[in-house]
All heavy atoms as atom14 arrays in JSON, in Angstrom:
{
  "sequence": "IATTWVTGVDFGDGILRHPTQLYEIAFLVVLAILLIPL",
  "atom14_mask": [
    [1, 1, 1, 1, 1, 1, 1, 1, 0, 0, 0, 0, 0, 0],
    [1, 1, 1, 1, 1, 0, 0, 0, 0, 0, 0, 0, 0, 0],
    [1, 1, 1, 1, 1, 1, 1, 0, 0, 0, 0, 0, 0, 0],
    [1, 1, 1, 1, 1, 1, 1, 0, 0, 0, 0, 0, 0, 0],
    [1, 1, 1, 1, 1, 1, 1, 1, 1, 1, 1, 1, 1, 1],
    [1, 1, 1, 1, 1, 1, 1, 0, 0, 0, 0, 0, 0, 0],
    [1, 1, 1, 1, 1, 1, 1, 0, 0, 0, 0, 0, 0, 0],
    [1, 1, 1, 1, 0, 0, 0, 0, 0, 0, 0, 0, 0, 0],
    [1, 1, 1, 1, 1, 1, 1, 0, 0, 0, 0, 0, 0, 0],
    [1, 1, 1, 1, 1, 1, 1, 1, 0, 0, 0, 0, 0, 0],
    [1, 1, 1, 1, 1, 1, 1, 1, 1, 1, 1, 0, 0, 0],
    [1, 1, 1, 1, 0, 0, 0, 0, 0, 0, 0, 0, 0, 0],
    [1, 1, 1, 1, 1, 1, 1, 1, 0, 0, 0, 0, 0, 0],
    [1, 1, 1, 1, 0, 0, 0, 0, 0, 0, 0, 0, 0, 0],
    [1, 1, 1, 1, 1, 1, 1, 1, 0, 0, 0, 0, 0, 0],
    [1, 1, 1, 1, 1, 1, 1, 1, 0, 0, 0, 0, 0, 0],
    [1, 1, 1, 1, 1, 1, 1, 1, 1, 1, 1, 0, 0, 0],
    [1, 1, 1, 1, 1, 1, 1, 1, 1, 1, 0, 0, 0, 0],
    [1, 1, 1, 1, 1, 1, 1, 0, 0, 0, 0, 0, 0, 0],
    [1, 1, 1, 1, 1, 1, 1, 0, 0, 0, 0, 0, 0, 0],
    [1, 1, 1, 1, 1, 1, 1, 1, 1, 0, 0, 0, 0, 0],
    [1, 1, 1, 1, 1, 1, 1, 1, 0, 0, 0, 0, 0, 0],
    [1, 1, 1, 1, 1, 1, 1, 1, 1, 1, 1, 1, 0, 0],
    [1, 1, 1, 1, 1, 1, 1, 1, 1, 0, 0, 0, 0, 0],
    [1, 1, 1, 1, 1, 1, 1, 1, 0, 0, 0, 0, 0, 0],
    [1, 1, 1, 1, 1, 0, 0, 0, 0, 0, 0, 0, 0, 0],
    [1, 1, 1, 1, 1, 1, 1, 1, 1, 1, 1, 0, 0, 0],
    [1, 1, 1, 1, 1, 1, 1, 1, 0, 0, 0, 0, 0, 0],
    [1, 1, 1, 1, 1, 1, 1, 0, 0, 0, 0, 0, 0, 0],
    [1, 1, 1, 1, 1, 1, 1, 0, 0, 0, 0, 0, 0, 0],
    [1, 1, 1, 1, 1, 1, 1, 1, 0, 0, 0, 0, 0, 0],
    [1, 1, 1, 1, 1, 0, 0, 0, 0, 0, 0, 0, 0, 0],
    [1, 1, 1, 1, 1, 1, 1, 1, 0, 0, 0, 0, 0, 0],
    [1, 1, 1, 1, 1, 1, 1, 1, 0, 0, 0, 0, 0, 0],
    [1, 1, 1, 1, 1, 1, 1, 1, 0, 0, 0, 0, 0, 0],
    [1, 1, 1, 1, 1, 1, 1, 1, 0, 0, 0, 0, 0, 0],
    [1, 1, 1, 1, 1, 1, 1, 0, 0, 0, 0, 0, 0, 0],
    [1, 1, 1, 1, 1, 1, 1, 1, 0, 0, 0, 0, 0, 0]
  ],
  "atom14_positions": [
    [[43.76, -119.11, 141.15], [43.03, -119.61, 140.04], [41.89, -118.65, 139.67], [41.66, -117.66, 140.41], [42.39, -121.0, 140.38], [41.46, -120.83, 141.58], [43.5, -122.02, 140.67], [40.68, -122.13, 141.97], [0.0, 0.0, 0.0], [0.0, 0.0, 0.0], [0.0, 0.0, 0.0], [0.0, 0.0, 0.0], [0.0, 0.0, 0.0], [0.0, 0.0, 0.0]],
    [[41.23, -118.94, 138.6], [40.13, -118.03, 138.06], [38.98, -118.03, 139.06], [38.75, -119.07, 139.74], [39.65, -118.52, 136.73], [0.0, 0.0, 0.0], [0.0, 0.0, 0.0], [0.0, 0.0, 0.0], [0.0, 0.0, 0.0], [0.0, 0.0, 0.0], [0.0, 0.0, 0.0], [0.0, 0.0, 0.0], [0.0, 0.0, 0.0], [0.0, 0.0, 0.0]],
    [[38.33, -116.88, 139.2], [37.3, -116.78, 140.12], [36.13, -115.78, 139.72], [36.5, -114.94, 138.78], [37.84, -116.23, 141.53], [36.79, -116.12, 142.46], [38.39, -114.85, 141.35], [0.0, 0.0, 0.0], [0.0, 0.0, 0.0], [0.0, 0.0, 0.0], [0.0, 0.0, 0.0], [0.0, 0.0, 0.0], [0.0, 0.0, 0.0], [0.0, 0.0, 0.0]],
    [[34.96, -115.98, 140.24], [33.87, -115.02, 139.94], [33.71, -114.1, 141.26], [32.82, -113.36, 141.19], [32.57, -115.68, 139.62], [32.29, -116.64, 140.75], [32.73, -116.49, 138.39], [0.0, 0.0, 0.0], [0.0, 0.0, 0.0], [0.0, 0.0, 0.0], [0.0, 0.0, 0.0], [0.0, 0.0, 0.0], [0.0, 0.0, 0.0], [0.0, 0.0, 0.0]],
    [[34.53, -114.21, 142.18], [34.36, -113.31, 143.38], [34.66, -111.94, 143.01], [35.31, -111.59, 142.11], [35.54, -113.82, 144.38], [35.19, -115.04, 145.15], [34.35, -116.1, 144.79], [35.82, -115.49, 146.4], [34.39, -117.06, 145.7], [35.26, -116.76, 146.7], [36.8, -115.04, 147.2], [35.67, -117.49, 147.83], [37.26, -115.63, 148.37], [36.59, -116.94, 148.56]],
    [[34.1, -111.03, 143.85], [34.22, -109.65, 143.68], [35.73, -109.26, 143.85], [36.09, -108.14, 143.3], [33.4, -108.83, 144.71], [33.86, -108.97, 146.08], [33.36, -107.37, 144.22], [0.0, 0.0, 0.0], [0.0, 0.0, 0.0], [0.0, 0.0, 0.0], [0.0, 0.0, 0.0], [0.0, 0.0, 0.0], [0.0, 0.0, 0.0], [0.0, 0.0, 0.0]],
    [[36.5, -110.07, 144.5], [37.92, -109.73, 144.68], [38.75, -110.06, 143.44], [39.95, -109.75, 143.53], [38.46, -110.56, 145.89], [38.31, -111.97, 145.63], [37.82, -110.07, 147.21], [0.0, 0.0, 0.0], [0.0, 0.0, 0.0], [0.0, 0.0, 0.0], [0.0, 0.0, 0.0], [0.0, 0.0, 0.0], [0.0, 0.0, 0.0], [0.0, 0.0, 0.0]],
    [[38.27, -110.7, 142.47], [39.01, -111.1, 141.3], [39.73, -109.97, 140.56], [39.28, -108.9, 140.49], [0.0, 0.0, 0.0], [0.0, 0.0, 0.0], [0.0, 0.0, 0.0], [0.0, 0.0, 0.0], [0.0, 0.0, 0.0], [0.0, 0.0, 0.0], [0.0, 0.0, 0.0], [0.0, 0.0, 0.0], [0.0, 0.0, 0.0], [0.0, 0.0, 0.0]],
    [[40.97, -110.25, 140.16], [41.82, -109.33, 139.49], [42.2, -109.9, 138.16], [42.67, -111.05, 138.19], [43.02, -108.94, 140.4], [44.05, -108.05, 139.63], [42.62, -108.31, 141.69], [0.0, 0.0, 0.0], [0.0, 0.0, 0.0], [0.0, 0.0, 0.0], [0.0, 0.0, 0.0], [0.0, 0.0, 0.0], [0.0, 0.0, 0.0], [0.0, 0.0, 0.0]],
    [[42.24, -109.03, 137.21], [42.82, -109.36, 135.81], [44.2, -108.94, 135.77], [44.58, -107.78, 135.8], [41.97, -108.66, 134.69], [42.39, -108.96, 133.31], [43.41, -109.64, 133.19], [41.89, -108.47, 132.33], [0.0, 0.0, 0.0], [0.0, 0.0, 0.0], [0.0, 0.0, 0.0], [0.0, 0.0, 0.0], [0.0, 0.0, 0.0], [0.0, 0.0, 0.0]],
    [[45.19, -109.79, 135.82], [46.52, -109.63, 135.8], [47.14, -109.4, 134.41], [48.32, -109.32, 134.29], [47.36, -110.72, 136.56], [47.19, -110.69, 138.03], [46.23, -111.66, 138.56], [47.86, -109.84, 138.8], [46.12, -111.67, 140.0], [47.65, -109.86, 140.15], [46.71, -110.68, 140.72], [0.0, 0.0, 0.0], [0.0, 0.0, 0.0], [0.0, 0.0, 0.0]],
    [[46.2, -109.35, 133.38], [46.72, -108.94, 132.03], [46.27, -110.0, 130.98], [46.57, -109.64, 129.78], [0.0, 0.0, 0.0], [0.0, 0.0, 0.0], [0.0, 0.0, 0.0], [0.0, 0.0, 0.0], [0.0, 0.0, 0.0], [0.0, 0.0, 0.0], [0.0, 0.0, 0.0], [0.0, 0.0, 0.0], [0.0, 0.0, 0.0], [0.0, 0.0, 0.0]],
    [[45.68, -111.13, 131.43], [45.45, -112.16, 130.38], [43.91, -112.25, 130.17], [43.39, -113.14, 129.58], [45.92, -113.54, 130.76], [45.34, -114.01, 132.1], [44.67, -113.2, 132.79], [45.69, -115.12, 132.46], [0.0, 0.0, 0.0], [0.0, 0.0, 0.0], [0.0, 0.0, 0.0], [0.0, 0.0, 0.0], [0.0, 0.0, 0.0], [0.0, 0.0, 0.0]],
    [[43.14, -111.23, 130.79], [41.67, -111.23, 130.54], [40.87, -112.11, 131.49], [39.65, -112.29, 131.36], [0.0, 0.0, 0.0], [0.0, 0.0, 0.0], [0.0, 0.0, 0.0], [0.0, 0.0, 0.0], [0.0, 0.0, 0.0], [0.0, 0.0, 0.0], [0.0, 0.0, 0.0], [0.0, 0.0, 0.0], [0.0, 0.0, 0.0], [0.0, 0.0, 0.0]],
    [[41.55, -112.82, 132.35], [40.91, -113.74, 133.28], [40.97, -113.15, 134.78], [42.06, -112.67, 135.23], [41.66, -115.16, 133.34], [41.56, -115.72, 131.99], [41.01, -115.99, 134.33], [42.4, -116.99, 131.78], [0.0, 0.0, 0.0], [0.0, 0.0, 0.0], [0.0, 0.0, 0.0], [0.0, 0.0, 0.0], [0.0, 0.0, 0.0], [0.0, 0.0, 0.0]],
    [[39.87, -113.06, 135.38], [39.8, -112.72, 136.82], [40.29, -113.76, 137.75], [39.82, -114.96, 137.69], [38.4, -112.22, 137.21], [37.73, -111.03, 136.49], [36.33, -110.79, 136.99], [38.66, -109.76, 136.75], [0.0, 0.0, 0.0], [0.0, 0.0, 0.0], [0.0, 0.0, 0.0], [0.0, 0.0, 0.0], [0.0, 0.0, 0.0], [0.0, 0.0, 0.0]],
    [[41.3, -113.47, 138.52], [41.82, -114.46, 139.39], [41.9, -114.05, 140.83], [41.83, -112.85, 141.11], [43.34, -114.76, 138.94], [43.43, -115.19, 137.54], [44.97, -115.4, 137.21], [45.25, -115.56, 135.69], [45.22, -116.86, 135.24], [44.92, -117.84, 136.08], [45.35, -117.01, 133.93], [0.0, 0.0, 0.0], [0.0, 0.0, 0.0], [0.0, 0.0, 0.0]],
    [[41.98, -115.05, 141.71], [42.11, -114.71, 143.14], [43.39, -114.02, 143.35], [44.5, -114.51, 143.02], [42.18, -115.96, 144.03], [40.79, -116.68, 144.16], [39.8, -116.02, 144.9], [40.32, -117.77, 143.75], [38.78, -116.79, 144.94], [39.01, -117.88, 144.24], [0.0, 0.0, 0.0], [0.0, 0.0, 0.0], [0.0, 0.0, 0.0], [0.0, 0.0, 0.0]],
    [[43.45, -112.81, 143.97], [44.68, -112.08, 144.31], [45.26, -112.58, 145.62], [45.23, -111.98, 146.72], [44.25, -110.64, 144.4], [42.83, -110.66, 144.89], [42.26, -111.97, 144.24], [0.0, 0.0, 0.0], [0.0, 0.0, 0.0], [0.0, 0.0, 0.0], [0.0, 0.0, 0.0], [0.0, 0.0, 0.0], [0.0, 0.0, 0.0], [0.0, 0.0, 0.0]],
    [[45.84, -113.84, 145.48], [46.24, -114.51, 146.75], [47.29, -113.73, 147.51], [47.5, -113.84, 148.75], [46.75, -115.85, 146.43], [47.64, -115.91, 145.38], [45.62, -116.79, 146.08], [0.0, 0.0, 0.0], [0.0, 0.0, 0.0], [0.0, 0.0, 0.0], [0.0, 0.0, 0.0], [0.0, 0.0, 0.0], [0.0, 0.0, 0.0], [0.0, 0.0, 0.0]],
    [[48.02, -112.84, 146.71], [49.03, -112.04, 147.41], [48.4, -111.07, 148.45], [48.82, -110.88, 149.57], [49.83, -111.23, 146.37], [50.36, -112.01, 145.18], [49.41, -112.01, 144.03], [48.2, -111.9, 144.19], [49.99, -112.02, 142.82], [0.0, 0.0, 0.0], [0.0, 0.0, 0.0], [0.0, 0.0, 0.0], [0.0, 0.0, 0.0], [0.0, 0.0, 0.0]],
    [[47.24, -110.51, 147.95], [46.51, -109.6, 148.84], [45.81, -110.34, 150.0], [45.75, -109.8, 151.12], [45.58, -108.76, 148.02], [46.03, -107.93, 146.85], [44.87, -107.12, 146.27], [47.09, -107.0, 147.38], [0.0, 0.0, 0.0], [0.0, 0.0, 0.0], [0.0, 0.0, 0.0], [0.0, 0.0, 0.0], [0.0, 0.0, 0.0], [0.0, 0.0, 0.0]],
    [[45.38, -111.57, 149.72], [44.77, -112.31, 150.83], [45.74, -112.53, 151.83], [45.56, -112.54, 153.14], [44.22, -113.73, 150.23], [43.16, -113.67, 149.25], [42.86, -114.8, 148.52], [42.35, -112.53, 149.02], [41.79, -114.81, 147.6], [41.4, -112.54, 148.14], [41.1, -113.65, 147.38], [40.1, -113.7, 146.53], [0.0, 0.0, 0.0], [0.0, 0.0, 0.0]],
    [[47.07, -112.77, 151.42], [48.12, -113.12, 152.44], [48.35, -111.84, 153.24], [48.68, -111.96, 154.48], [49.35, -113.57, 151.67], [50.45, -114.05, 152.66], [51.53, -114.87, 151.94], [51.25, -115.58, 150.95], [52.68, -114.9, 152.47], [0.0, 0.0, 0.0], [0.0, 0.0, 0.0], [0.0, 0.0, 0.0], [0.0, 0.0, 0.0], [0.0, 0.0, 0.0]],
    [[48.43, -110.69, 152.55], [48.69, -109.52, 153.35], [47.65, -109.28, 154.37], [47.93, -108.92, 155.49], [48.76, -108.3, 152.45], [50.05, -108.41, 151.49], [48.75, -107.0, 153.15], [50.12, -107.34, 150.35], [0.0, 0.0, 0.0], [0.0, 0.0, 0.0], [0.0, 0.0, 0.0], [0.0, 0.0, 0.0], [0.0, 0.0, 0.0], [0.0, 0.0, 0.0]],
    [[46.38, -109.35, 153.95], [45.24, -109.3, 154.95], [45.38, -110.27, 156.07], [45.13, -109.89, 157.22], [43.9, -109.43, 154.24], [0.0, 0.0, 0.0], [0.0, 0.0, 0.0], [0.0, 0.0, 0.0], [0.0, 0.0, 0.0], [0.0, 0.0, 0.0], [0.0, 0.0, 0.0], [0.0, 0.0, 0.0], [0.0, 0.0, 0.0], [0.0, 0.0, 0.0]],
    [[45.7, -111.52, 155.81], [45.91, -112.5, 156.8], [47.0, -112.04, 157.85], [46.91, -112.14, 159.01], [46.23, -113.83, 156.3], [46.69, -114.9, 157.19], [45.79, -115.55, 158.11], [47.98, -115.13, 157.47], [46.21, -116.39, 159.1], [48.43, -116.06, 158.39], [47.61, -116.65, 159.24], [0.0, 0.0, 0.0], [0.0, 0.0, 0.0], [0.0, 0.0, 0.0]],
    [[48.15, -111.57, 157.26], [49.25, -111.14, 158.16], [48.79, -110.06, 159.03], [49.35, -109.98, 160.21], [50.44, -110.75, 157.23], [51.12, -111.93, 156.48], [52.2, -111.47, 155.46], [51.9, -112.88, 157.5], [0.0, 0.0, 0.0], [0.0, 0.0, 0.0], [0.0, 0.0, 0.0], [0.0, 0.0, 0.0], [0.0, 0.0, 0.0], [0.0, 0.0, 0.0]],
    [[48.04, -109.06, 158.57], [47.56, -108.07, 159.4], [46.74, -108.53, 160.6], [46.94, -108.16, 161.76], [46.74, -107.03, 158.66], [46.08, -105.99, 159.53], [47.54, -106.2, 157.49], [0.0, 0.0, 0.0], [0.0, 0.0, 0.0], [0.0, 0.0, 0.0], [0.0, 0.0, 0.0], [0.0, 0.0, 0.0], [0.0, 0.0, 0.0], [0.0, 0.0, 0.0]],
    [[45.8, -109.53, 160.28], [45.03, -110.14, 161.36], [45.93, -110.91, 162.3], [45.76, -110.8, 163.58], [43.96, -111.09, 160.68], [43.27, -111.91, 161.78], [42.96, -110.25, 159.86], [0.0, 0.0, 0.0], [0.0, 0.0, 0.0], [0.0, 0.0, 0.0], [0.0, 0.0, 0.0], [0.0, 0.0, 0.0], [0.0, 0.0, 0.0], [0.0, 0.0, 0.0]],
    [[46.84, -111.62, 161.77], [47.71, -112.4, 162.62], [48.56, -111.52, 163.58], [48.72, -111.76, 164.72], [48.72, -113.25, 161.78], [49.65, -114.21, 162.54], [48.89, -115.2, 163.29], [50.59, -114.9, 161.52], [0.0, 0.0, 0.0], [0.0, 0.0, 0.0], [0.0, 0.0, 0.0], [0.0, 0.0, 0.0], [0.0, 0.0, 0.0], [0.0, 0.0, 0.0]],
    [[49.07, -110.33, 163.01], [49.77, -109.48, 163.85], [48.98, -108.93, 165.03], [49.47, -108.74, 166.04], [50.29, -108.3, 162.96], [0.0, 0.0, 0.0], [0.0, 0.0, 0.0], [0.0, 0.0, 0.0], [0.0, 0.0, 0.0], [0.0, 0.0, 0.0], [0.0, 0.0, 0.0], [0.0, 0.0, 0.0], [0.0, 0.0, 0.0], [0.0, 0.0, 0.0]],
    [[47.69, -108.67, 164.78], [46.81, -108.16, 165.82], [46.59, -109.18, 166.85], [46.63, -108.94, 168.08], [45.49, -107.59, 165.12], [45.78, -106.46, 164.33], [44.47, -107.34, 166.31], [44.52, -106.08, 163.46], [0.0, 0.0, 0.0], [0.0, 0.0, 0.0], [0.0, 0.0, 0.0], [0.0, 0.0, 0.0], [0.0, 0.0, 0.0], [0.0, 0.0, 0.0]],
    [[46.36, -110.51, 166.49], [46.08, -111.56, 167.27], [47.29, -111.88, 168.19], [47.11, -112.32, 169.33], [45.68, -112.84, 166.52], [44.31, -112.76, 165.82], [44.07, -114.05, 164.99], [43.21, -112.6, 166.82], [0.0, 0.0, 0.0], [0.0, 0.0, 0.0], [0.0, 0.0, 0.0], [0.0, 0.0, 0.0], [0.0, 0.0, 0.0], [0.0, 0.0, 0.0]],
    [[48.48, -111.59, 167.69], [49.73, -111.92, 168.49], [50.09, -110.86, 169.5], [51.04, -111.0, 170.21], [50.85, -112.14, 167.55], [50.77, -113.49, 166.71], [51.9, -113.49, 165.72], [50.73, -114.69, 167.59], [0.0, 0.0, 0.0], [0.0, 0.0, 0.0], [0.0, 0.0, 0.0], [0.0, 0.0, 0.0], [0.0, 0.0, 0.0], [0.0, 0.0, 0.0]],
    [[49.41, -109.73, 169.51], [49.74, -108.54, 170.43], [49.78, -109.02, 171.87], [50.72, -108.66, 172.63], [48.81, -107.37, 170.2], [49.1, -106.71, 168.83], [48.9, -106.46, 171.3], [48.03, -105.67, 168.53], [0.0, 0.0, 0.0], [0.0, 0.0, 0.0], [0.0, 0.0, 0.0], [0.0, 0.0, 0.0], [0.0, 0.0, 0.0], [0.0, 0.0, 0.0]],
    [[48.78, -109.77, 172.28], [48.91, -110.23, 173.79], [50.11, -111.06, 174.05], [50.81, -110.78, 175.06], [47.67, -111.08, 173.94], [46.69, -110.52, 172.94], [47.48, -110.25, 171.82], [0.0, 0.0, 0.0], [0.0, 0.0, 0.0], [0.0, 0.0, 0.0], [0.0, 0.0, 0.0], [0.0, 0.0, 0.0], [0.0, 0.0, 0.0], [0.0, 0.0, 0.0]],
    [[50.54, -111.85, 173.2], [51.73, -112.69, 173.32], [53.03, -111.75, 173.29], [54.04, -112.03, 173.93], [51.83, -113.76, 172.29], [50.85, -114.9, 172.6], [51.11, -115.95, 171.43], [51.0, -115.59, 173.85], [0.0, 0.0, 0.0], [0.0, 0.0, 0.0], [0.0, 0.0, 0.0], [0.0, 0.0, 0.0], [0.0, 0.0, 0.0], [0.0, 0.0, 0.0]]
  ]
}
C-alpha cells in the first residue's frame, strides 16, 4: 500500500508504495542465517 516511509517505491503510477517484494527478500536472508545452526 501507499507509504511515506523512506523505503517507498514509485512503480509507475506516481504513488510511493511499500516494496513488499524487497521486504520479503530481506526477511529470507535473515531467516537463512537464523537456520544455519539447524
